């Protein structure tokens, strides 16, 4: 990874509030990362990556009307352009998808990784294409 700036550690209280509003637990490897860094922004391997802070998660999902256009997806970041990264909670084990922010739908969501750690590794070594 190059030029990626991590945020200060996240709080367990903020995480609990996100999960309360979401009415489900976020994947463990993602919550470990967020408690350590609370997101960040910059070049991560082959991709520009923006991982939203915990306080932004519910707000951004509401702003993008994810529950209307792609129910079951939960956005957690973006490429800083027109695509977002999302957990797909329709699966028994939430996959990570890339989805366009304009014209968002399940039809345009593309699975890119089975979990958060594999997602970070893929961005580092192969990008998202």
N, C-alpha and C. Protein backbone atom coordinates (compact mmCIF):
# COMPACT_ATOMS: atom_id res chain seq x y z
N UNK A 1 0.84 -1.18 0.00
CA UNK A 1 0.00 0.00 0.00
C UNK A 1 0.88 1.23 0.00
N UNK A 2 0.44 2.23 -0.71
CA UNK A 2 1.19 3.47 -0.80
C UNK A 2 0.25 4.64 -0.65
N UNK A 3 0.68 5.64 0.07
CA UNK A 3 -0.10 6.87 0.19
C UNK A 3 -1.49 6.68 0.77
N UNK A 4 -1.67 5.76 1.69
CA UNK A 4 -2.96 5.57 2.35
C UNK A 4 -2.86 6.14 3.75
N UNK A 5 -3.78 7.03 4.09
CA UNK A 5 -3.80 7.64 5.42
C UNK A 5 -4.91 7.01 6.25
N UNK A 6 -4.52 6.36 7.33
CA UNK A 6 -5.50 5.77 8.24
C UNK A 6 -6.04 6.85 9.17
N UNK A 7 -7.28 6.70 9.57
CA UNK A 7 -7.86 7.59 10.57
C UNK A 7 -7.47 7.08 11.96
N UNK A 8 -7.76 7.87 12.96
CA UNK A 8 -7.54 7.46 14.36
C UNK A 8 -8.44 6.27 14.67
N UNK A 9 -8.13 5.50 15.70
CA UNK A 9 -8.97 4.35 16.06
C UNK A 9 -10.44 4.73 16.25
N UNK A 10 -11.30 3.81 15.84
CA UNK A 10 -12.74 3.99 16.03
C UNK A 10 -13.15 3.59 17.43
N UNK A 11 -14.36 3.94 17.78
CA UNK A 11 -14.85 3.61 19.12
C UNK A 11 -15.85 2.46 19.07
N UNK A 12 -15.81 1.65 20.10
CA UNK A 12 -16.77 0.55 20.22
C UNK A 12 -18.19 1.09 20.31
N UNK A 13 -18.32 2.26 20.90
CA UNK A 13 -19.65 2.89 21.03
C UNK A 13 -20.21 3.25 19.66
N UNK A 14 -19.38 3.84 18.80
CA UNK A 14 -19.82 4.20 17.44
C UNK A 14 -20.17 2.94 16.65
N UNK A 15 -19.36 1.90 16.79
CA UNK A 15 -19.62 0.64 16.11
C UNK A 15 -20.96 0.05 16.57
N UNK A 16 -21.19 0.04 17.86
CA UNK A 16 -22.45 -0.49 18.40
C UNK A 16 -23.64 0.28 17.87
N UNK A 17 -23.49 1.60 17.72
CA UNK A 17 -24.59 2.41 17.20
C UNK A 17 -24.87 2.09 15.73
N UNK A 18 -23.83 1.89 14.93
CA UNK A 18 -24.02 1.51 13.52
C UNK A 18 -24.75 0.18 13.45
N UNK A 19 -24.30 -0.79 14.22
CA UNK A 19 -24.92 -2.12 14.19
C UNK A 19 -26.35 -2.08 14.72
N UNK A 20 -26.62 -1.20 15.67
CA UNK A 20 -27.99 -1.05 16.18
C UNK A 20 -28.89 -0.50 15.08
N UNK A 21 -28.41 0.54 14.39
CA UNK A 21 -29.22 1.14 13.33
C UNK A 21 -29.37 0.20 12.13
N UNK A 22 -28.36 -0.57 11.87
CA UNK A 22 -28.39 -1.53 10.77
C UNK A 22 -29.19 -2.78 11.14
N UNK A 23 -29.34 -3.01 12.43
CA UNK A 23 -30.03 -4.18 12.98
C UNK A 23 -29.36 -5.49 12.57
N UNK A 24 -28.01 -5.44 12.54
CA UNK A 24 -27.22 -6.64 12.29
C UNK A 24 -25.76 -6.34 12.62
N UNK A 25 -24.98 -7.39 12.80
CA UNK A 25 -23.56 -7.20 13.06
C UNK A 25 -22.80 -7.11 11.75
N UNK A 26 -21.82 -6.25 11.74
CA UNK A 26 -20.92 -6.15 10.60
C UNK A 26 -19.88 -7.27 10.71
N UNK A 27 -19.29 -7.69 9.59
CA UNK A 27 -18.30 -8.77 9.63
C UNK A 27 -17.14 -8.47 10.58
N UNK A 28 -16.69 -9.49 11.28
CA UNK A 28 -15.68 -9.35 12.33
C UNK A 28 -14.37 -8.75 11.83
N UNK A 29 -13.88 -9.18 10.66
CA UNK A 29 -12.60 -8.65 10.17
C UNK A 29 -12.71 -7.17 9.83
N UNK A 30 -13.89 -6.74 9.37
CA UNK A 30 -14.13 -5.33 9.10
C UNK A 30 -14.18 -4.52 10.40
N UNK A 31 -14.88 -5.04 11.40
CA UNK A 31 -14.98 -4.30 12.66
C UNK A 31 -13.63 -4.20 13.36
N UNK A 32 -12.81 -5.24 13.26
CA UNK A 32 -11.46 -5.16 13.84
C UNK A 32 -10.66 -4.04 13.17
N UNK A 33 -10.74 -3.97 11.85
CA UNK A 33 -10.05 -2.92 11.10
C UNK A 33 -10.56 -1.54 11.53
N UNK A 34 -11.86 -1.39 11.60
CA UNK A 34 -12.46 -0.09 11.91
C UNK A 34 -12.16 0.35 13.35
N UNK A 35 -12.12 -0.58 14.28
CA UNK A 35 -11.76 -0.21 15.66
C UNK A 35 -10.30 0.21 15.74
N UNK A 36 -9.48 -0.33 14.87
CA UNK A 36 -8.06 0.05 14.85
C UNK A 36 -7.82 1.34 14.08
N UNK A 37 -8.58 1.57 12.98
CA UNK A 37 -8.29 2.69 12.09
C UNK A 37 -9.47 3.63 11.81
N UNK A 38 -10.70 3.20 11.98
CA UNK A 38 -11.89 3.99 11.63
C UNK A 38 -11.81 4.53 10.21
N UNK A 39 -11.40 3.66 9.29
CA UNK A 39 -11.35 4.02 7.88
C UNK A 39 -10.07 4.73 7.49
N UNK A 40 -10.13 5.37 6.35
CA UNK A 40 -8.97 6.09 5.84
C UNK A 40 -9.16 6.38 4.37
N UNK A 41 -8.13 6.98 3.76
CA UNK A 41 -8.24 7.36 2.36
C UNK A 41 -6.87 7.43 1.71
N UNK A 42 -6.82 7.00 0.45
CA UNK A 42 -5.60 7.11 -0.32
C UNK A 42 -5.43 5.93 -1.26
N UNK A 43 -4.25 5.83 -1.83
CA UNK A 43 -3.95 4.75 -2.75
C UNK A 43 -3.68 3.48 -1.96
N UNK A 44 -4.42 2.45 -2.29
CA UNK A 44 -4.25 1.13 -1.67
C UNK A 44 -3.92 0.17 -2.80
N UNK A 45 -2.67 -0.12 -2.97
CA UNK A 45 -2.25 -0.98 -4.06
C UNK A 45 -2.55 -0.34 -5.40
N UNK A 46 -3.47 -0.94 -6.15
CA UNK A 46 -3.79 -0.48 -7.50
C UNK A 46 -5.02 0.42 -7.57
N UNK A 47 -5.60 0.75 -6.43
CA UNK A 47 -6.89 1.45 -6.41
C UNK A 47 -6.86 2.60 -5.43
N UNK A 48 -7.59 3.66 -5.76
CA UNK A 48 -7.83 4.72 -4.77
C UNK A 48 -8.98 4.23 -3.91
N UNK A 49 -8.82 4.30 -2.61
CA UNK A 49 -9.78 3.73 -1.67
C UNK A 49 -10.16 4.75 -0.62
N UNK A 50 -11.46 4.89 -0.41
CA UNK A 50 -12.00 5.71 0.68
C UNK A 50 -12.83 4.78 1.55
N UNK A 51 -12.39 4.57 2.78
CA UNK A 51 -13.16 3.78 3.75
C UNK A 51 -13.78 4.77 4.71
N UNK A 52 -15.11 4.84 4.68
CA UNK A 52 -15.83 5.83 5.47
C UNK A 52 -15.71 5.57 6.97
N UNK A 53 -15.70 6.64 7.73
CA UNK A 53 -15.70 6.55 9.20
C UNK A 53 -17.01 5.94 9.68
N UNK A 54 -16.98 5.36 10.85
CA UNK A 54 -18.18 4.72 11.39
C UNK A 54 -19.35 5.70 11.49
N UNK A 55 -19.05 6.96 11.87
CA UNK A 55 -20.14 7.95 12.01
C UNK A 55 -20.77 8.29 10.66
N UNK A 56 -20.10 7.98 9.56
CA UNK A 56 -20.60 8.32 8.23
C UNK A 56 -21.40 7.19 7.59
N UNK A 57 -21.23 5.99 8.06
CA UNK A 57 -21.79 4.82 7.38
C UNK A 57 -23.30 4.90 7.17
N UNK A 58 -24.04 5.06 8.23
CA UNK A 58 -25.50 5.07 8.12
C UNK A 58 -25.96 6.30 7.33
N UNK A 59 -25.35 7.44 7.59
CA UNK A 59 -25.70 8.68 6.89
C UNK A 59 -25.51 8.52 5.38
N UNK A 60 -24.35 8.01 4.96
CA UNK A 60 -24.09 7.86 3.52
C UNK A 60 -25.01 6.83 2.89
N UNK A 61 -25.29 5.73 3.59
CA UNK A 61 -26.23 4.74 3.06
C UNK A 61 -27.62 5.34 2.90
N UNK A 62 -28.02 6.18 3.85
CA UNK A 62 -29.31 6.88 3.73
C UNK A 62 -29.28 7.88 2.58
N UNK A 63 -28.21 8.67 2.48
CA UNK A 63 -28.09 9.67 1.42
C UNK A 63 -28.14 9.04 0.03
N UNK A 64 -27.51 7.88 -0.14
CA UNK A 64 -27.51 7.20 -1.43
C UNK A 64 -28.76 6.34 -1.63
N UNK A 65 -29.65 6.32 -0.63
CA UNK A 65 -30.92 5.58 -0.69
C UNK A 65 -30.70 4.11 -1.06
N UNK A 66 -29.72 3.52 -0.42
CA UNK A 66 -29.36 2.13 -0.71
C UNK A 66 -30.53 1.19 -0.43
N UNK A 67 -31.25 1.41 0.65
CA UNK A 67 -32.36 0.51 0.98
C UNK A 67 -33.48 0.56 -0.05
N UNK A 68 -33.56 1.63 -0.81
CA UNK A 68 -34.55 1.75 -1.88
C UNK A 68 -34.07 1.09 -3.16
N UNK A 69 -32.83 1.37 -3.57
CA UNK A 69 -32.32 0.94 -4.86
C UNK A 69 -31.61 -0.41 -4.84
N UNK A 70 -31.06 -0.79 -3.71
CA UNK A 70 -30.33 -2.07 -3.62
C UNK A 70 -30.45 -2.62 -2.20
N UNK A 71 -31.67 -2.97 -1.78
CA UNK A 71 -31.85 -3.48 -0.42
C UNK A 71 -30.96 -4.69 -0.16
N UNK A 72 -30.40 -4.72 1.04
CA UNK A 72 -29.50 -5.81 1.41
C UNK A 72 -28.04 -5.44 1.26
N UNK A 73 -27.75 -4.40 0.47
CA UNK A 73 -26.38 -3.91 0.38
C UNK A 73 -26.16 -2.87 1.46
N UNK A 74 -24.93 -2.80 1.96
CA UNK A 74 -24.55 -1.78 2.94
C UNK A 74 -23.19 -1.23 2.52
N UNK A 75 -23.21 0.02 2.03
CA UNK A 75 -21.99 0.66 1.55
C UNK A 75 -21.05 0.98 2.71
N UNK A 76 -19.74 0.79 2.48
CA UNK A 76 -18.76 1.13 3.52
C UNK A 76 -17.63 2.00 2.99
N UNK A 77 -17.63 2.28 1.69
CA UNK A 77 -16.58 3.11 1.14
C UNK A 77 -16.74 3.24 -0.36
N UNK A 78 -15.74 3.88 -0.99
CA UNK A 78 -15.81 4.09 -2.43
C UNK A 78 -14.41 4.14 -3.02
N UNK A 79 -14.39 4.29 -4.34
CA UNK A 79 -13.12 4.48 -5.03
C UNK A 79 -12.84 5.97 -5.23
N UNK A 80 -13.62 6.82 -4.57
CA UNK A 80 -13.46 8.26 -4.70
C UNK A 80 -14.07 8.80 -5.97
N UNK A 81 -14.67 7.93 -6.76
CA UNK A 81 -15.32 8.31 -8.01
C UNK A 81 -16.75 7.86 -8.01
N UNK A 82 -17.12 7.10 -9.01
CA UNK A 82 -18.52 6.72 -9.17
C UNK A 82 -18.89 5.34 -8.67
N UNK A 83 -18.00 4.66 -7.96
CA UNK A 83 -18.31 3.32 -7.49
C UNK A 83 -18.14 3.22 -5.98
N UNK A 84 -19.01 2.43 -5.38
CA UNK A 84 -18.95 2.20 -3.94
C UNK A 84 -18.65 0.73 -3.68
N UNK A 85 -18.17 0.47 -2.47
CA UNK A 85 -17.93 -0.89 -2.02
C UNK A 85 -18.97 -1.20 -0.95
N UNK A 86 -19.53 -2.40 -1.02
CA UNK A 86 -20.66 -2.74 -0.16
C UNK A 86 -20.60 -4.18 0.31
N UNK A 87 -21.09 -4.38 1.53
CA UNK A 87 -21.36 -5.74 2.00
C UNK A 87 -22.72 -6.13 1.42
N UNK A 88 -22.82 -7.34 0.91
CA UNK A 88 -24.09 -7.85 0.41
C UNK A 88 -24.64 -8.81 1.47
N UNK A 89 -25.58 -8.31 2.26
CA UNK A 89 -26.14 -9.10 3.34
C UNK A 89 -27.24 -10.04 2.88
N UNK A 90 -27.49 -10.12 1.59
CA UNK A 90 -28.47 -11.09 1.10
C UNK A 90 -27.91 -12.50 1.14
N UNK A 91 -26.59 -12.62 1.15
CA UNK A 91 -25.93 -13.93 1.24
C UNK A 91 -25.78 -14.30 2.70
N UNK A 92 -25.67 -15.59 2.99
CA UNK A 92 -25.52 -16.03 4.38
C UNK A 92 -24.23 -15.51 5.00
N UNK A 93 -23.19 -15.44 4.20
CA UNK A 93 -21.93 -14.82 4.62
C UNK A 93 -21.73 -13.63 3.69
N UNK A 94 -21.75 -12.40 4.25
CA UNK A 94 -21.78 -11.22 3.37
C UNK A 94 -20.57 -11.09 2.45
N UNK A 95 -20.85 -11.11 1.17
CA UNK A 95 -19.83 -10.89 0.15
C UNK A 95 -19.58 -9.39 0.01
N UNK A 96 -18.47 -9.04 -0.60
CA UNK A 96 -18.21 -7.64 -0.88
C UNK A 96 -18.40 -7.41 -2.37
N UNK A 97 -19.20 -6.40 -2.68
CA UNK A 97 -19.52 -6.02 -4.05
C UNK A 97 -19.00 -4.64 -4.35
N UNK A 98 -18.79 -4.38 -5.64
CA UNK A 98 -18.60 -3.02 -6.12
C UNK A 98 -19.90 -2.68 -6.85
N UNK A 99 -20.40 -1.46 -6.62
CA UNK A 99 -21.68 -1.06 -7.19
C UNK A 99 -21.59 0.41 -7.62
N UNK A 100 -22.17 0.74 -8.79
CA UNK A 100 -22.14 2.15 -9.20
C UNK A 100 -23.03 2.98 -8.29
N UNK A 101 -22.58 4.19 -7.98
CA UNK A 101 -23.38 5.08 -7.13
C UNK A 101 -24.54 5.69 -7.91
N UNK A 102 -24.38 5.85 -9.20
CA UNK A 102 -25.48 6.34 -10.04
C UNK A 102 -26.03 5.15 -10.79
N UNK A 103 -27.32 4.96 -10.68
CA UNK A 103 -27.93 3.78 -11.28
C UNK A 103 -27.75 2.54 -10.43
N UNK A 104 -27.59 2.74 -9.12
CA UNK A 104 -27.35 1.63 -8.20
C UNK A 104 -28.48 0.61 -8.26
N UNK A 105 -28.10 -0.65 -8.42
CA UNK A 105 -29.07 -1.74 -8.36
C UNK A 105 -28.31 -3.04 -8.14
N UNK A 106 -29.06 -4.07 -7.78
CA UNK A 106 -28.44 -5.39 -7.63
C UNK A 106 -27.92 -5.91 -8.97
N UNK A 107 -28.58 -5.50 -10.05
CA UNK A 107 -28.15 -5.96 -11.38
C UNK A 107 -26.76 -5.47 -11.73
N UNK A 108 -26.37 -4.32 -11.19
CA UNK A 108 -25.06 -3.75 -11.50
C UNK A 108 -24.02 -4.00 -10.41
N UNK A 109 -24.41 -4.68 -9.35
CA UNK A 109 -23.46 -5.01 -8.27
C UNK A 109 -22.62 -6.22 -8.69
N UNK A 110 -21.32 -6.08 -8.56
CA UNK A 110 -20.40 -7.15 -8.96
C UNK A 110 -19.64 -7.65 -7.74
N UNK A 111 -19.75 -8.94 -7.42
CA UNK A 111 -18.97 -9.48 -6.30
C UNK A 111 -17.47 -9.38 -6.60
N UNK A 112 -16.70 -8.92 -5.61
CA UNK A 112 -15.25 -8.80 -5.80
C UNK A 112 -14.44 -9.57 -4.76
N UNK A 113 -15.06 -9.92 -3.63
CA UNK A 113 -14.31 -10.65 -2.60
C UNK A 113 -15.27 -11.32 -1.62
N UNK A 114 -14.84 -12.43 -1.03
CA UNK A 114 -15.69 -13.13 -0.07
C UNK A 114 -15.69 -12.51 1.32
N UNK A 115 -14.69 -11.67 1.62
CA UNK A 115 -14.62 -11.04 2.94
C UNK A 115 -13.72 -9.80 2.87
N UNK A 116 -13.65 -9.06 3.96
CA UNK A 116 -12.94 -7.79 3.98
C UNK A 116 -11.44 -7.95 3.76
N UNK A 117 -10.84 -8.96 4.37
CA UNK A 117 -9.41 -9.17 4.20
C UNK A 117 -9.07 -9.52 2.75
N UNK A 118 -9.87 -10.37 2.13
CA UNK A 118 -9.66 -10.73 0.73
C UNK A 118 -9.88 -9.51 -0.17
N UNK A 119 -10.83 -8.66 0.21
CA UNK A 119 -11.09 -7.42 -0.52
C UNK A 119 -9.86 -6.52 -0.52
N UNK A 120 -9.27 -6.30 0.65
CA UNK A 120 -8.08 -5.45 0.73
C UNK A 120 -6.92 -6.05 -0.05
N UNK A 121 -6.76 -7.35 0.02
CA UNK A 121 -5.69 -8.02 -0.72
C UNK A 121 -5.91 -7.90 -2.23
N UNK A 122 -7.15 -8.07 -2.67
CA UNK A 122 -7.44 -7.95 -4.10
C UNK A 122 -7.13 -6.54 -4.60
N UNK A 123 -7.54 -5.51 -3.84
CA UNK A 123 -7.26 -4.14 -4.27
C UNK A 123 -5.76 -3.90 -4.36
N UNK A 124 -5.04 -4.50 -3.44
CA UNK A 124 -3.59 -4.33 -3.40
C UNK A 124 -2.89 -4.98 -4.58
N UNK A 125 -3.37 -6.15 -5.00
CA UNK A 125 -2.64 -6.92 -5.99
C UNK A 125 -3.26 -6.95 -7.38
N UNK A 126 -4.60 -6.84 -7.47
CA UNK A 126 -5.25 -6.98 -8.77
C UNK A 126 -6.18 -5.83 -9.13
N UNK A 127 -6.49 -4.96 -8.20
CA UNK A 127 -7.48 -3.92 -8.45
C UNK A 127 -8.88 -4.52 -8.41
N UNK A 128 -9.85 -3.85 -9.03
CA UNK A 128 -11.21 -4.37 -8.99
C UNK A 128 -11.72 -4.83 -10.33
N UNK A 129 -10.98 -4.65 -11.38
CA UNK A 129 -11.43 -5.05 -12.72
C UNK A 129 -11.19 -6.53 -12.92
